N, C-alpha and C. Protein backbone atom coordinates (compact mmCIF):
# COMPACT_ATOMS: atom_id res chain seq x y z
N MET A 1 0.82 -1.18 0.00
CA MET A 1 0.00 0.00 0.00
C MET A 1 0.88 1.25 0.00
N ALA A 2 0.57 2.20 -0.89
CA ALA A 2 1.37 3.41 -1.01
C ALA A 2 1.10 4.34 0.16
N ASP A 3 2.12 5.10 0.54
CA ASP A 3 1.96 6.09 1.60
C ASP A 3 1.05 7.21 1.14
N SER A 4 0.21 7.68 2.04
CA SER A 4 -0.65 8.82 1.78
C SER A 4 0.03 10.07 2.32
N VAL A 5 0.40 11.00 1.42
CA VAL A 5 1.08 12.23 1.82
C VAL A 5 0.10 13.38 1.70
N GLU A 6 0.03 14.18 2.77
CA GLU A 6 -0.86 15.33 2.80
C GLU A 6 -0.12 16.49 3.45
N ILE A 7 -0.29 17.69 2.89
CA ILE A 7 0.27 18.90 3.47
C ILE A 7 -0.91 19.76 3.92
N VAL A 8 -0.91 20.12 5.21
CA VAL A 8 -2.02 20.88 5.77
C VAL A 8 -1.50 22.19 6.36
N ALA A 9 -2.36 23.21 6.31
CA ALA A 9 -2.04 24.48 6.96
C ALA A 9 -2.09 24.26 8.47
N ALA A 10 -1.20 24.94 9.17
CA ALA A 10 -1.12 24.81 10.63
C ALA A 10 -1.30 26.19 11.26
N GLY A 11 -2.04 26.23 12.35
CA GLY A 11 -2.22 27.47 13.10
C GLY A 11 -1.61 27.37 14.48
N SER A 12 -1.88 28.36 15.30
CA SER A 12 -1.26 28.36 16.63
C SER A 12 -1.69 27.16 17.48
N ALA A 13 -2.84 26.58 17.19
CA ALA A 13 -3.26 25.37 17.91
C ALA A 13 -2.31 24.20 17.63
N HIS A 14 -1.59 24.27 16.52
CA HIS A 14 -0.63 23.22 16.14
C HIS A 14 0.78 23.50 16.67
N ALA A 15 0.96 24.56 17.44
CA ALA A 15 2.29 24.93 17.92
C ALA A 15 3.02 23.78 18.62
N PRO A 16 2.37 22.98 19.47
CA PRO A 16 3.09 21.86 20.09
C PRO A 16 3.60 20.83 19.08
N VAL A 17 2.83 20.56 18.03
CA VAL A 17 3.25 19.61 17.00
C VAL A 17 4.42 20.19 16.22
N LEU A 18 4.32 21.48 15.86
CA LEU A 18 5.41 22.15 15.14
C LEU A 18 6.70 22.12 15.97
N ALA A 19 6.57 22.40 17.27
CA ALA A 19 7.75 22.41 18.15
C ALA A 19 8.37 21.02 18.27
N ALA A 20 7.53 19.99 18.37
CA ALA A 20 8.05 18.62 18.48
C ALA A 20 8.79 18.23 17.20
N LEU A 21 8.23 18.56 16.05
CA LEU A 21 8.91 18.26 14.78
C LEU A 21 10.21 19.05 14.67
N HIS A 22 10.17 20.31 15.07
CA HIS A 22 11.37 21.17 14.99
C HIS A 22 12.48 20.61 15.88
N ALA A 23 12.10 20.13 17.07
CA ALA A 23 13.10 19.55 17.98
C ALA A 23 13.77 18.33 17.36
N LEU A 24 13.00 17.51 16.66
CA LEU A 24 13.59 16.35 15.98
C LEU A 24 14.50 16.78 14.83
N ALA A 25 14.01 17.70 14.02
CA ALA A 25 14.73 18.11 12.82
C ALA A 25 15.98 18.92 13.13
N PHE A 26 15.99 19.63 14.25
CA PHE A 26 17.11 20.52 14.57
C PHE A 26 17.88 20.07 15.81
N ALA A 27 17.97 18.78 16.01
CA ALA A 27 18.68 18.24 17.17
C ALA A 27 20.19 18.31 17.02
N ASP A 28 20.69 18.41 15.79
CA ASP A 28 22.14 18.42 15.52
C ASP A 28 22.68 19.84 15.60
N ALA A 29 23.43 20.14 16.66
CA ALA A 29 23.96 21.48 16.87
C ALA A 29 24.92 21.93 15.77
N ALA A 30 25.46 21.00 15.01
CA ALA A 30 26.38 21.38 13.93
C ALA A 30 25.64 21.94 12.72
N LEU A 31 24.33 21.79 12.68
CA LEU A 31 23.58 22.22 11.50
C LEU A 31 22.83 23.52 11.68
N SER A 32 22.50 23.90 12.90
CA SER A 32 21.72 25.13 13.07
C SER A 32 21.65 25.51 14.53
N GLY A 33 20.88 26.55 14.79
CA GLY A 33 20.63 26.97 16.15
C GLY A 33 19.66 26.04 16.85
N PRO A 34 19.31 26.39 18.08
CA PRO A 34 18.43 25.52 18.85
C PRO A 34 17.02 25.44 18.28
N ALA A 35 16.34 24.38 18.62
CA ALA A 35 14.95 24.20 18.19
C ALA A 35 14.06 25.23 18.88
N TRP A 36 12.96 25.56 18.23
CA TRP A 36 12.01 26.52 18.76
C TRP A 36 10.94 25.79 19.57
N ASP A 37 10.49 26.41 20.65
CA ASP A 37 9.45 25.79 21.46
C ASP A 37 8.06 26.20 20.98
N ALA A 38 7.03 25.61 21.59
CA ALA A 38 5.65 25.87 21.17
C ALA A 38 5.29 27.35 21.31
N GLY A 39 5.79 28.00 22.34
CA GLY A 39 5.53 29.43 22.53
C GLY A 39 6.07 30.27 21.39
N ALA A 40 7.25 29.92 20.91
CA ALA A 40 7.84 30.65 19.78
C ALA A 40 6.99 30.48 18.53
N PHE A 41 6.54 29.25 18.28
CA PHE A 41 5.70 29.02 17.10
C PHE A 41 4.37 29.77 17.24
N ALA A 42 3.74 29.71 18.41
CA ALA A 42 2.47 30.40 18.61
C ALA A 42 2.63 31.90 18.41
N SER A 43 3.72 32.45 18.92
CA SER A 43 3.98 33.88 18.77
C SER A 43 4.18 34.25 17.30
N LEU A 44 4.98 33.49 16.60
CA LEU A 44 5.21 33.77 15.18
C LEU A 44 3.92 33.66 14.38
N LEU A 45 3.11 32.65 14.68
CA LEU A 45 1.88 32.44 13.93
C LEU A 45 0.82 33.50 14.22
N SER A 46 1.01 34.28 15.25
CA SER A 46 0.08 35.39 15.53
C SER A 46 0.47 36.65 14.75
N THR A 47 1.58 36.60 14.04
CA THR A 47 2.06 37.73 13.26
C THR A 47 1.44 37.71 11.86
N PRO A 48 0.89 38.84 11.42
CA PRO A 48 0.33 38.86 10.05
C PRO A 48 1.37 38.45 9.01
N GLY A 49 0.94 37.64 8.05
CA GLY A 49 1.82 37.21 6.97
C GLY A 49 2.64 35.97 7.27
N VAL A 50 2.50 35.40 8.47
CA VAL A 50 3.25 34.20 8.83
C VAL A 50 2.30 33.00 8.73
N GLU A 51 2.77 31.97 8.03
CA GLU A 51 1.97 30.76 7.82
C GLU A 51 2.84 29.52 8.01
N ALA A 52 2.23 28.46 8.50
CA ALA A 52 2.95 27.20 8.71
C ALA A 52 2.21 26.07 8.01
N PHE A 53 2.97 25.04 7.69
CA PHE A 53 2.42 23.84 7.07
C PHE A 53 3.04 22.62 7.73
N ILE A 54 2.24 21.56 7.81
CA ILE A 54 2.72 20.28 8.34
C ILE A 54 2.50 19.24 7.24
N LEU A 55 3.52 18.44 6.99
CA LEU A 55 3.42 17.34 6.05
C LEU A 55 3.17 16.08 6.86
N LEU A 56 2.09 15.37 6.49
CA LEU A 56 1.72 14.12 7.15
C LEU A 56 1.87 12.96 6.18
N VAL A 57 2.36 11.85 6.67
CA VAL A 57 2.40 10.62 5.90
C VAL A 57 1.55 9.61 6.67
N ASP A 58 0.52 9.13 6.01
CA ASP A 58 -0.45 8.22 6.64
C ASP A 58 -0.94 8.79 7.98
N GLY A 59 -1.15 10.11 8.01
CA GLY A 59 -1.68 10.77 9.20
C GLY A 59 -0.66 11.14 10.26
N THR A 60 0.59 10.75 10.06
CA THR A 60 1.64 11.05 11.04
C THR A 60 2.42 12.29 10.60
N PRO A 61 2.53 13.32 11.46
CA PRO A 61 3.31 14.51 11.10
C PRO A 61 4.80 14.18 11.03
N LEU A 62 5.40 14.48 9.86
CA LEU A 62 6.82 14.16 9.66
C LEU A 62 7.67 15.36 9.23
N ALA A 63 7.04 16.46 8.84
CA ALA A 63 7.81 17.63 8.41
C ALA A 63 7.00 18.89 8.61
N LEU A 64 7.71 20.02 8.73
CA LEU A 64 7.06 21.31 8.93
C LEU A 64 7.76 22.38 8.12
N SER A 65 7.03 23.44 7.83
CA SER A 65 7.63 24.64 7.25
C SER A 65 6.91 25.86 7.82
N LEU A 66 7.65 26.95 7.92
CA LEU A 66 7.11 28.20 8.43
C LEU A 66 7.60 29.31 7.51
N TRP A 67 6.66 30.13 7.03
CA TRP A 67 6.93 31.15 6.02
C TRP A 67 6.42 32.50 6.49
N ARG A 68 7.04 33.56 5.97
CA ARG A 68 6.56 34.92 6.21
C ARG A 68 6.57 35.63 4.88
N HIS A 69 5.54 36.44 4.63
CA HIS A 69 5.58 37.27 3.43
C HIS A 69 4.98 38.64 3.69
N VAL A 70 5.58 39.62 3.03
CA VAL A 70 5.13 41.01 3.05
C VAL A 70 5.20 41.50 1.61
N LEU A 71 4.05 41.96 1.11
CA LEU A 71 3.96 42.42 -0.27
C LEU A 71 4.45 41.32 -1.21
N ASP A 72 5.49 41.61 -2.01
CA ASP A 72 5.93 40.61 -2.99
C ASP A 72 7.18 39.84 -2.56
N GLU A 73 7.57 39.96 -1.29
CA GLU A 73 8.74 39.23 -0.81
C GLU A 73 8.35 38.23 0.28
N GLY A 74 8.97 37.07 0.21
CA GLY A 74 8.72 36.02 1.19
C GLY A 74 10.02 35.57 1.84
N GLU A 75 9.86 34.88 2.94
CA GLU A 75 11.01 34.32 3.64
C GLU A 75 10.63 32.96 4.20
N LEU A 76 11.50 32.00 3.97
CA LEU A 76 11.35 30.70 4.62
C LEU A 76 12.01 30.84 5.99
N LEU A 77 11.19 30.80 7.04
CA LEU A 77 11.71 30.96 8.39
C LEU A 77 12.33 29.67 8.90
N THR A 78 11.69 28.55 8.60
CA THR A 78 12.24 27.25 8.98
C THR A 78 11.54 26.14 8.20
N ILE A 79 12.26 25.08 7.99
CA ILE A 79 11.71 23.87 7.38
C ILE A 79 12.50 22.70 7.95
N GLY A 80 11.83 21.61 8.22
CA GLY A 80 12.55 20.46 8.76
C GLY A 80 11.74 19.19 8.64
N THR A 81 12.46 18.10 8.58
CA THR A 81 11.87 16.77 8.46
C THR A 81 12.39 15.90 9.59
N ASP A 82 11.54 15.08 10.14
CA ASP A 82 11.94 14.09 11.14
C ASP A 82 13.10 13.30 10.53
N PRO A 83 14.25 13.21 11.21
CA PRO A 83 15.40 12.50 10.64
C PRO A 83 15.08 11.07 10.20
N ALA A 84 14.16 10.41 10.87
CA ALA A 84 13.79 9.05 10.49
C ALA A 84 13.09 8.99 9.13
N ALA A 85 12.60 10.14 8.66
CA ALA A 85 11.87 10.19 7.38
C ALA A 85 12.64 10.93 6.30
N GLN A 86 13.87 11.34 6.59
CA GLN A 86 14.65 12.08 5.59
C GLN A 86 15.06 11.17 4.44
N GLY A 87 15.32 11.79 3.29
CA GLY A 87 15.75 11.05 2.12
C GLY A 87 14.60 10.47 1.31
N ARG A 88 13.37 10.87 1.63
CA ARG A 88 12.19 10.36 0.92
C ARG A 88 11.52 11.44 0.06
N GLY A 89 12.14 12.61 -0.04
CA GLY A 89 11.59 13.69 -0.85
C GLY A 89 10.54 14.52 -0.14
N LEU A 90 10.34 14.31 1.16
CA LEU A 90 9.31 15.04 1.89
C LEU A 90 9.66 16.52 2.01
N GLY A 91 10.91 16.82 2.29
CA GLY A 91 11.35 18.21 2.39
C GLY A 91 11.18 18.94 1.07
N THR A 92 11.51 18.26 -0.03
CA THR A 92 11.35 18.86 -1.35
C THR A 92 9.88 19.15 -1.62
N ALA A 93 9.01 18.20 -1.31
CA ALA A 93 7.57 18.40 -1.52
C ALA A 93 7.06 19.58 -0.71
N LEU A 94 7.49 19.68 0.53
CA LEU A 94 7.04 20.76 1.41
C LEU A 94 7.58 22.10 0.95
N LEU A 95 8.83 22.14 0.53
CA LEU A 95 9.44 23.38 0.02
C LEU A 95 8.72 23.85 -1.23
N ARG A 96 8.49 22.95 -2.17
CA ARG A 96 7.80 23.33 -3.41
C ARG A 96 6.37 23.79 -3.14
N GLN A 97 5.69 23.12 -2.22
CA GLN A 97 4.32 23.52 -1.87
C GLN A 97 4.33 24.93 -1.27
N GLY A 98 5.27 25.21 -0.38
CA GLY A 98 5.35 26.53 0.24
C GLY A 98 5.64 27.62 -0.77
N LEU A 99 6.56 27.34 -1.70
CA LEU A 99 6.88 28.31 -2.75
C LEU A 99 5.67 28.55 -3.64
N ALA A 100 4.93 27.50 -3.97
CA ALA A 100 3.72 27.65 -4.79
C ALA A 100 2.68 28.49 -4.04
N HIS A 101 2.56 28.26 -2.74
CA HIS A 101 1.63 29.03 -1.93
C HIS A 101 2.01 30.50 -1.94
N LEU A 102 3.29 30.80 -1.78
CA LEU A 102 3.75 32.20 -1.82
C LEU A 102 3.50 32.82 -3.19
N ALA A 103 3.80 32.08 -4.24
CA ALA A 103 3.59 32.60 -5.60
C ALA A 103 2.12 32.94 -5.82
N ALA A 104 1.22 32.09 -5.32
CA ALA A 104 -0.21 32.33 -5.46
C ALA A 104 -0.64 33.58 -4.69
N ALA A 105 0.12 33.94 -3.66
CA ALA A 105 -0.17 35.14 -2.87
C ALA A 105 0.49 36.39 -3.45
N GLY A 106 1.15 36.25 -4.61
CA GLY A 106 1.78 37.39 -5.27
C GLY A 106 3.24 37.60 -4.93
N VAL A 107 3.83 36.67 -4.19
CA VAL A 107 5.25 36.78 -3.86
C VAL A 107 6.07 36.42 -5.09
N THR A 108 7.07 37.23 -5.39
CA THR A 108 7.92 36.98 -6.56
C THR A 108 9.34 36.61 -6.18
N ARG A 109 9.70 36.83 -4.92
CA ARG A 109 11.07 36.58 -4.48
C ARG A 109 11.05 36.05 -3.06
N CYS A 110 11.90 35.08 -2.78
CA CYS A 110 11.93 34.47 -1.45
C CYS A 110 13.36 34.35 -0.95
N PHE A 111 13.55 34.64 0.34
CA PHE A 111 14.85 34.57 1.00
C PHE A 111 14.84 33.47 2.05
N LEU A 112 16.02 33.06 2.46
CA LEU A 112 16.18 32.15 3.59
C LEU A 112 17.60 32.23 4.09
N GLU A 113 17.82 31.78 5.32
CA GLU A 113 19.16 31.59 5.86
C GLU A 113 19.32 30.11 6.13
N VAL A 114 20.53 29.61 5.88
CA VAL A 114 20.83 28.21 6.13
C VAL A 114 22.27 28.10 6.63
N ALA A 115 22.47 27.27 7.64
CA ALA A 115 23.81 27.08 8.19
C ALA A 115 24.76 26.59 7.10
N VAL A 116 25.95 27.16 7.05
CA VAL A 116 26.92 26.77 6.03
C VAL A 116 27.33 25.31 6.17
N THR A 117 27.08 24.73 7.33
CA THR A 117 27.41 23.33 7.58
C THR A 117 26.31 22.37 7.13
N ASN A 118 25.15 22.89 6.72
CA ASN A 118 24.00 22.06 6.38
C ASN A 118 23.95 21.81 4.87
N THR A 119 24.86 20.98 4.41
CA THR A 119 25.00 20.71 2.97
C THR A 119 23.73 20.15 2.35
N ALA A 120 23.05 19.26 3.04
CA ALA A 120 21.82 18.67 2.48
C ALA A 120 20.78 19.75 2.22
N ALA A 121 20.59 20.67 3.16
CA ALA A 121 19.61 21.74 2.98
C ALA A 121 20.05 22.69 1.87
N ILE A 122 21.32 23.04 1.83
CA ILE A 122 21.83 23.93 0.77
C ILE A 122 21.55 23.32 -0.60
N ASN A 123 21.80 22.03 -0.74
CA ASN A 123 21.53 21.35 -2.02
C ASN A 123 20.05 21.33 -2.34
N LEU A 124 19.20 21.11 -1.33
CA LEU A 124 17.75 21.13 -1.54
C LEU A 124 17.32 22.51 -2.05
N TYR A 125 17.77 23.56 -1.39
CA TYR A 125 17.37 24.91 -1.79
C TYR A 125 17.87 25.22 -3.20
N ALA A 126 19.09 24.85 -3.50
CA ALA A 126 19.62 25.10 -4.85
C ALA A 126 18.79 24.36 -5.90
N SER A 127 18.35 23.15 -5.58
CA SER A 127 17.56 22.38 -6.55
C SER A 127 16.19 23.01 -6.79
N CYS A 128 15.77 23.89 -5.89
CA CYS A 128 14.47 24.57 -6.03
C CYS A 128 14.63 26.03 -6.47
N GLY A 129 15.80 26.38 -6.98
CA GLY A 129 15.98 27.70 -7.58
C GLY A 129 16.62 28.76 -6.71
N PHE A 130 17.05 28.42 -5.50
CA PHE A 130 17.71 29.41 -4.64
C PHE A 130 19.20 29.50 -5.00
N THR A 131 19.73 30.71 -4.91
CA THR A 131 21.17 30.93 -5.11
C THR A 131 21.72 31.67 -3.90
N ASN A 132 23.02 31.55 -3.69
CA ASN A 132 23.67 32.19 -2.56
C ASN A 132 23.80 33.69 -2.82
N ALA A 133 23.32 34.50 -1.87
CA ALA A 133 23.37 35.95 -2.02
C ALA A 133 24.27 36.63 -1.00
N GLY A 134 24.77 35.87 -0.03
CA GLY A 134 25.62 36.47 0.99
C GLY A 134 25.82 35.53 2.15
N ARG A 135 26.46 36.07 3.19
CA ARG A 135 26.79 35.26 4.36
C ARG A 135 26.58 36.10 5.62
N ARG A 136 25.97 35.50 6.62
CA ARG A 136 25.80 36.14 7.93
C ARG A 136 26.74 35.43 8.90
N ARG A 137 27.74 36.16 9.37
CA ARG A 137 28.73 35.59 10.29
C ARG A 137 28.09 35.37 11.67
N GLY A 138 28.32 34.18 12.22
CA GLY A 138 27.84 33.86 13.56
C GLY A 138 26.34 33.94 13.72
N TYR A 139 25.59 33.66 12.67
CA TYR A 139 24.13 33.80 12.68
C TYR A 139 23.46 32.85 13.67
N TYR A 140 23.94 31.62 13.71
CA TYR A 140 23.38 30.62 14.62
C TYR A 140 24.30 30.47 15.83
N GLN A 141 23.70 30.41 17.01
CA GLN A 141 24.42 30.15 18.26
C GLN A 141 23.75 28.96 18.91
N HIS A 142 24.51 27.90 19.12
CA HIS A 142 23.92 26.71 19.71
C HIS A 142 25.00 25.89 20.39
N ALA A 143 24.70 25.50 21.61
CA ALA A 143 25.60 24.64 22.38
C ALA A 143 27.02 25.21 22.40
N GLY A 144 27.12 26.53 22.57
CA GLY A 144 28.42 27.17 22.65
C GLY A 144 29.15 27.32 21.33
N LYS A 145 28.48 27.00 20.24
CA LYS A 145 29.10 27.11 18.92
C LYS A 145 28.46 28.25 18.13
N SER A 146 29.29 28.89 17.33
CA SER A 146 28.83 29.94 16.44
C SER A 146 28.92 29.40 15.01
N ILE A 147 27.81 29.47 14.29
CA ILE A 147 27.76 28.92 12.93
C ILE A 147 27.31 30.01 11.97
N ASP A 148 28.07 30.19 10.89
CA ASP A 148 27.69 31.15 9.86
C ASP A 148 26.50 30.63 9.06
N ALA A 149 25.80 31.56 8.42
CA ALA A 149 24.67 31.18 7.56
C ALA A 149 24.85 31.78 6.18
N HIS A 150 24.47 31.00 5.16
CA HIS A 150 24.32 31.55 3.82
C HIS A 150 22.97 32.23 3.76
N VAL A 151 22.89 33.36 3.09
CA VAL A 151 21.61 33.95 2.73
C VAL A 151 21.36 33.51 1.30
N MET A 152 20.25 32.84 1.07
CA MET A 152 19.92 32.36 -0.26
C MET A 152 18.63 33.04 -0.71
N VAL A 153 18.49 33.22 -2.02
CA VAL A 153 17.35 33.94 -2.57
C VAL A 153 16.97 33.35 -3.92
N THR A 154 15.69 33.44 -4.23
CA THR A 154 15.25 33.09 -5.58
C THR A 154 15.55 34.28 -6.46
N ASP A 155 15.51 34.08 -7.75
CA ASP A 155 15.94 35.12 -8.70
C ASP A 155 14.90 36.19 -9.01
N GLY A 156 13.81 36.21 -8.26
CA GLY A 156 12.80 37.23 -8.50
C GLY A 156 11.65 36.75 -9.36
N GLU A 157 11.67 35.51 -9.79
CA GLU A 157 10.58 34.96 -10.60
C GLU A 157 10.11 33.66 -9.94
N LEU A 158 9.54 33.80 -8.77
CA LEU A 158 9.15 32.63 -7.98
C LEU A 158 8.21 31.71 -8.73
N GLY A 159 7.25 32.26 -9.42
CA GLY A 159 6.29 31.44 -10.15
C GLY A 159 6.93 30.58 -11.23
N ARG A 160 8.09 31.00 -11.73
CA ARG A 160 8.76 30.27 -12.81
C ARG A 160 9.52 29.05 -12.30
N ILE A 161 9.93 29.05 -11.02
CA ILE A 161 10.81 27.96 -10.54
C ILE A 161 10.06 26.82 -9.88
N ILE A 162 8.75 26.96 -9.68
CA ILE A 162 8.03 25.90 -8.99
C ILE A 162 7.26 25.01 -9.95
């Protein structure tokens, strides 16, 4: 039997689920800053223009994304997949869905930050049309470590790359 994959919009009521997924996805201090708690997700989701999505496989939440947009610019705030489910294309599906959602809202350009040590994520973003636009020194602080981040951006034609 094939897996049933569904991507659903998430609101502040889903903050505990988002936080639990984020804790799984961001457990490796070498890849990013600390995981966000339910309060952080609830606070962000109360901000105009911020939206979250949860990817479920057979009803089980396995990945999340959080986006912000203002006018024609968007930002991927976070995206992550349960490590036990990585390598199955779930992150790619969620990223493409989020970009399509932004494009439908009139967003033409999207930014994100990613730890320079997170090669898998950098490759995922590049495969979806993001290019490196700069570097933020010491952007992530976790477990006493300072990690730089690449700033990546789409080329201004979001609807064309999805």
